[in-house]
Each structure stands twice: as C-alpha cells, then as structure tokens.
Amino acid sequence: MIKPKAKKEFELLKTSGMQLAEGCRVVATAGGGGGYGNPLERDIEEVRRDVINGYVSVEQARHDYGAVIDPQSFEVDATATQNLRSDLLTH
C-alpha cells in the first residue's frame, strides 16, 4: 500500500520503477504461513501429501507432525505414527 503525504492512499500488487514523493510511506504485508492448531493433530494423509509434494521432508514430517513415513514408498506407518504422536503429546 502506498500512503502519499497529501493524497489518498492506494494499493499496488506489483510495480517496477515507480517514483515516490518525499514523505510517502510504503506499507508491505505478507502472509506468515504459520498455520493453526496442534501440528500433531494434522490429518496424516495431508502430511503425507505434503511430503510427496516436497513441502516438507520425511524428517520434518516426523519431527514437526509426528508422522512416520517411509522415504521410498511414502507409505505411513500408522502404528509407529500413533505411538510417536502419543509420546510427543505427553512430553
């Protein structure tokens, strides 16, 4: 958002080489992507899809989501996942 000193503010999505007057303020905002809720309660199939799509690694899935996923087949070990999540929730 551009907030000129003496004019009405306006929004820009993208620009290149725009000249700004002295006293102009530029306000930039962006999403944080932090999500919400307990990551140990995230649906295991959604975590699996995130691993397959490369959004998180197998190691990150285990550490952050308590999901035990085979790195070759991307199959979820449901029992190991349940045990890991229970352990992480109690510690």
N, C-alpha and C. Protein backbone atom coordinates (compact mmCIF):
# COMPACT_ATOMS: atom_id res chain seq x y z
N MET A 1 0.86 -1.16 0.00
CA MET A 1 0.00 0.00 0.00
C MET A 1 0.91 1.23 0.00
N ILE A 2 0.56 2.19 -0.79
CA ILE A 2 1.28 3.46 -0.86
C ILE A 2 0.45 4.52 -0.13
N LYS A 3 1.08 5.23 0.77
CA LYS A 3 0.39 6.28 1.52
C LYS A 3 1.09 7.61 1.25
N PRO A 4 0.66 8.30 0.18
CA PRO A 4 1.25 9.61 -0.12
C PRO A 4 0.95 10.59 1.01
N LYS A 5 1.82 11.57 1.16
CA LYS A 5 1.69 12.53 2.25
C LYS A 5 0.39 13.34 2.15
N ALA A 6 0.04 13.81 0.94
CA ALA A 6 -1.10 14.72 0.82
C ALA A 6 -2.25 14.14 0.00
N LYS A 7 -2.16 12.89 -0.45
CA LYS A 7 -3.21 12.31 -1.29
C LYS A 7 -3.77 11.06 -0.63
N LYS A 8 -4.82 10.53 -1.24
CA LYS A 8 -5.45 9.31 -0.75
C LYS A 8 -4.52 8.11 -0.99
N GLU A 9 -4.48 7.20 0.00
CA GLU A 9 -3.65 6.00 -0.14
C GLU A 9 -4.20 5.09 -1.23
N PHE A 10 -3.34 4.25 -1.79
CA PHE A 10 -3.77 3.29 -2.81
C PHE A 10 -2.92 2.04 -2.73
N GLU A 11 -3.45 0.95 -3.28
CA GLU A 11 -2.77 -0.34 -3.24
C GLU A 11 -2.16 -0.67 -4.58
N LEU A 12 -1.05 -1.39 -4.53
CA LEU A 12 -0.38 -1.90 -5.72
C LEU A 12 -0.12 -3.38 -5.52
N LEU A 13 -0.26 -4.16 -6.56
CA LEU A 13 0.09 -5.56 -6.46
C LEU A 13 1.54 -5.77 -6.91
N LYS A 14 1.94 -5.06 -7.95
CA LYS A 14 3.29 -5.21 -8.47
C LYS A 14 3.63 -3.97 -9.28
N THR A 15 4.86 -3.52 -9.17
CA THR A 15 5.28 -2.37 -9.97
C THR A 15 6.79 -2.39 -10.12
N SER A 16 7.26 -1.62 -11.06
CA SER A 16 8.71 -1.52 -11.27
C SER A 16 9.05 -0.06 -11.56
N GLY A 17 10.00 0.47 -10.84
CA GLY A 17 10.48 1.81 -11.11
C GLY A 17 9.53 2.93 -10.78
N MET A 18 8.62 2.73 -9.86
CA MET A 18 7.68 3.78 -9.50
C MET A 18 8.39 4.85 -8.68
N GLN A 19 8.21 6.11 -9.05
CA GLN A 19 8.79 7.22 -8.33
C GLN A 19 7.88 7.60 -7.16
N LEU A 20 8.45 7.76 -6.00
CA LEU A 20 7.69 8.16 -4.82
C LEU A 20 8.13 9.55 -4.39
N ALA A 21 7.17 10.31 -3.92
CA ALA A 21 7.46 11.67 -3.44
C ALA A 21 8.01 11.60 -2.02
N GLU A 22 8.74 12.61 -1.65
CA GLU A 22 9.25 12.70 -0.29
C GLU A 22 8.07 12.68 0.68
N GLY A 23 8.23 11.92 1.75
CA GLY A 23 7.17 11.82 2.76
C GLY A 23 6.19 10.68 2.50
N CYS A 24 6.30 10.02 1.35
CA CYS A 24 5.43 8.89 1.02
C CYS A 24 5.81 7.70 1.92
N ARG A 25 4.82 6.97 2.34
CA ARG A 25 5.09 5.75 3.11
C ARG A 25 4.67 4.55 2.28
N VAL A 26 5.46 3.48 2.37
CA VAL A 26 5.14 2.21 1.70
C VAL A 26 4.90 1.19 2.80
N VAL A 27 3.73 0.53 2.75
CA VAL A 27 3.38 -0.49 3.73
C VAL A 27 3.26 -1.81 2.98
N ALA A 28 4.10 -2.79 3.34
CA ALA A 28 4.07 -4.11 2.71
C ALA A 28 3.62 -5.14 3.73
N THR A 29 2.69 -5.99 3.33
CA THR A 29 2.23 -7.06 4.21
C THR A 29 2.33 -8.38 3.45
N ALA A 30 2.55 -9.44 4.20
CA ALA A 30 2.64 -10.78 3.61
C ALA A 30 2.14 -11.80 4.62
N GLY A 31 1.60 -12.88 4.12
CA GLY A 31 1.15 -13.96 4.99
C GLY A 31 2.33 -14.65 5.64
N GLY A 32 2.13 -15.12 6.86
CA GLY A 32 3.21 -15.79 7.57
C GLY A 32 3.28 -17.27 7.31
N GLY A 33 2.17 -17.89 6.91
CA GLY A 33 2.18 -19.31 6.62
C GLY A 33 2.34 -20.19 7.85
N GLY A 34 2.11 -19.64 9.02
CA GLY A 34 2.32 -20.40 10.25
C GLY A 34 1.27 -21.45 10.53
N GLY A 35 0.13 -21.35 9.90
CA GLY A 35 -0.92 -22.32 10.13
C GLY A 35 -1.58 -22.13 11.49
N TYR A 36 -2.40 -23.10 11.87
CA TYR A 36 -3.07 -23.02 13.15
C TYR A 36 -3.30 -24.43 13.68
N GLY A 37 -3.51 -24.53 14.96
CA GLY A 37 -3.78 -25.82 15.58
C GLY A 37 -2.51 -26.59 15.92
N ASN A 38 -2.70 -27.67 16.63
CA ASN A 38 -1.60 -28.53 17.04
C ASN A 38 -1.13 -29.35 15.84
N PRO A 39 0.13 -29.24 15.44
CA PRO A 39 0.60 -29.99 14.28
C PRO A 39 0.52 -31.50 14.48
N LEU A 40 0.52 -31.96 15.73
CA LEU A 40 0.41 -33.40 15.99
C LEU A 40 -1.00 -33.91 15.73
N GLU A 41 -1.95 -33.01 15.52
CA GLU A 41 -3.32 -33.41 15.21
C GLU A 41 -3.65 -33.25 13.73
N ARG A 42 -2.66 -32.85 12.92
CA ARG A 42 -2.89 -32.69 11.48
C ARG A 42 -3.19 -34.05 10.86
N ASP A 43 -4.15 -34.07 9.95
CA ASP A 43 -4.52 -35.29 9.26
C ASP A 43 -3.29 -35.93 8.61
N ILE A 44 -3.06 -37.20 8.90
CA ILE A 44 -1.85 -37.86 8.44
C ILE A 44 -1.76 -37.93 6.91
N GLU A 45 -2.89 -38.04 6.24
CA GLU A 45 -2.87 -38.06 4.76
C GLU A 45 -2.45 -36.71 4.20
N GLU A 46 -2.81 -35.63 4.87
CA GLU A 46 -2.38 -34.30 4.44
C GLU A 46 -0.88 -34.14 4.63
N VAL A 47 -0.35 -34.66 5.74
CA VAL A 47 1.10 -34.63 5.96
C VAL A 47 1.79 -35.45 4.88
N ARG A 48 1.25 -36.63 4.58
CA ARG A 48 1.82 -37.50 3.55
C ARG A 48 1.86 -36.78 2.20
N ARG A 49 0.77 -36.09 1.84
CA ARG A 49 0.73 -35.34 0.57
C ARG A 49 1.76 -34.22 0.58
N ASP A 50 1.94 -33.57 1.72
CA ASP A 50 2.95 -32.51 1.82
C ASP A 50 4.35 -33.07 1.58
N VAL A 51 4.62 -34.28 2.08
CA VAL A 51 5.91 -34.92 1.84
C VAL A 51 6.06 -35.25 0.36
N ILE A 52 5.04 -35.86 -0.23
CA ILE A 52 5.09 -36.23 -1.66
C ILE A 52 5.30 -35.00 -2.53
N ASN A 53 4.64 -33.90 -2.18
CA ASN A 53 4.74 -32.66 -2.97
C ASN A 53 6.00 -31.85 -2.66
N GLY A 54 6.79 -32.32 -1.71
CA GLY A 54 8.05 -31.65 -1.40
C GLY A 54 7.93 -30.44 -0.50
N TYR A 55 6.77 -30.25 0.13
CA TYR A 55 6.59 -29.11 1.03
C TYR A 55 7.36 -29.32 2.34
N VAL A 56 7.42 -30.56 2.80
CA VAL A 56 8.21 -30.92 3.98
C VAL A 56 8.95 -32.22 3.69
N SER A 57 10.06 -32.42 4.37
CA SER A 57 10.83 -33.66 4.19
C SER A 57 10.25 -34.75 5.09
N VAL A 58 10.69 -35.97 4.88
CA VAL A 58 10.29 -37.08 5.75
C VAL A 58 10.72 -36.77 7.18
N GLU A 59 11.91 -36.21 7.32
CA GLU A 59 12.42 -35.87 8.65
C GLU A 59 11.58 -34.78 9.31
N GLN A 60 11.21 -33.76 8.53
CA GLN A 60 10.36 -32.69 9.08
C GLN A 60 8.99 -33.24 9.45
N ALA A 61 8.44 -34.14 8.65
CA ALA A 61 7.13 -34.73 8.95
C ALA A 61 7.19 -35.46 10.28
N ARG A 62 8.28 -36.16 10.51
CA ARG A 62 8.44 -36.89 11.77
C ARG A 62 8.59 -35.92 12.94
N HIS A 63 9.48 -34.95 12.79
CA HIS A 63 9.78 -34.01 13.88
C HIS A 63 8.62 -33.07 14.18
N ASP A 64 8.04 -32.47 13.13
CA ASP A 64 7.02 -31.43 13.33
C ASP A 64 5.60 -31.98 13.47
N TYR A 65 5.31 -33.10 12.81
CA TYR A 65 3.94 -33.62 12.78
C TYR A 65 3.80 -35.00 13.43
N GLY A 66 4.91 -35.57 13.88
CA GLY A 66 4.84 -36.89 14.50
C GLY A 66 4.39 -37.96 13.52
N ALA A 67 4.73 -37.79 12.24
CA ALA A 67 4.31 -38.73 11.20
C ALA A 67 5.49 -39.58 10.77
N VAL A 68 5.32 -40.89 10.81
CA VAL A 68 6.37 -41.82 10.40
C VAL A 68 6.05 -42.27 8.98
N ILE A 69 6.85 -41.78 8.02
CA ILE A 69 6.60 -42.02 6.60
C ILE A 69 7.84 -42.62 5.97
N ASP A 70 7.64 -43.71 5.21
CA ASP A 70 8.75 -44.36 4.52
C ASP A 70 9.28 -43.45 3.41
N PRO A 71 10.59 -43.18 3.38
CA PRO A 71 11.13 -42.25 2.39
C PRO A 71 11.09 -42.75 0.95
N GLN A 72 11.00 -44.07 0.74
CA GLN A 72 10.94 -44.61 -0.61
C GLN A 72 9.51 -44.72 -1.14
N SER A 73 8.64 -45.32 -0.34
CA SER A 73 7.27 -45.59 -0.80
C SER A 73 6.27 -44.51 -0.40
N PHE A 74 6.66 -43.67 0.54
CA PHE A 74 5.79 -42.64 1.12
C PHE A 74 4.57 -43.24 1.84
N GLU A 75 4.68 -44.50 2.21
CA GLU A 75 3.63 -45.13 3.00
C GLU A 75 3.77 -44.70 4.46
N VAL A 76 2.63 -44.51 5.10
CA VAL A 76 2.60 -44.13 6.50
C VAL A 76 2.60 -45.38 7.37
N ASP A 77 3.45 -45.41 8.35
CA ASP A 77 3.41 -46.48 9.35
C ASP A 77 2.45 -45.99 10.44
N ALA A 78 1.21 -46.45 10.35
CA ALA A 78 0.15 -45.94 11.22
C ALA A 78 0.42 -46.21 12.69
N THR A 79 0.90 -47.42 13.01
CA THR A 79 1.17 -47.76 14.41
C THR A 79 2.30 -46.92 14.96
N ALA A 80 3.40 -46.81 14.20
CA ALA A 80 4.54 -46.00 14.66
C ALA A 80 4.14 -44.53 14.78
N THR A 81 3.31 -44.05 13.87
CA THR A 81 2.84 -42.66 13.93
C THR A 81 2.00 -42.43 15.18
N GLN A 82 1.09 -43.34 15.45
CA GLN A 82 0.24 -43.21 16.64
C GLN A 82 1.09 -43.23 17.91
N ASN A 83 2.06 -44.13 17.96
CA ASN A 83 2.94 -44.22 19.14
C ASN A 83 3.79 -42.96 19.30
N LEU A 84 4.35 -42.47 18.19
CA LEU A 84 5.18 -41.27 18.25
C LEU A 84 4.35 -40.06 18.67
N ARG A 85 3.17 -39.91 18.09
CA ARG A 85 2.32 -38.77 18.46
C ARG A 85 1.92 -38.83 19.93
N SER A 86 1.58 -40.00 20.41
CA SER A 86 1.23 -40.16 21.84
C SER A 86 2.40 -39.78 22.71
N ASP A 87 3.60 -40.23 22.32
CA ASP A 87 4.79 -39.92 23.10
C ASP A 87 5.08 -38.42 23.09
N LEU A 88 4.97 -37.79 21.92
CA LEU A 88 5.24 -36.36 21.82
C LEU A 88 4.21 -35.52 22.57
N LEU A 89 2.97 -35.97 22.60
CA LEU A 89 1.92 -35.23 23.31
C LEU A 89 2.10 -35.29 24.82
N THR A 90 2.72 -36.35 25.31
CA THR A 90 2.87 -36.48 26.76
C THR A 90 4.17 -35.90 27.27
N HIS A 91 5.04 -35.46 26.38
CA HIS A 91 6.32 -34.89 26.81
C HIS A 91 6.42 -33.44 26.53
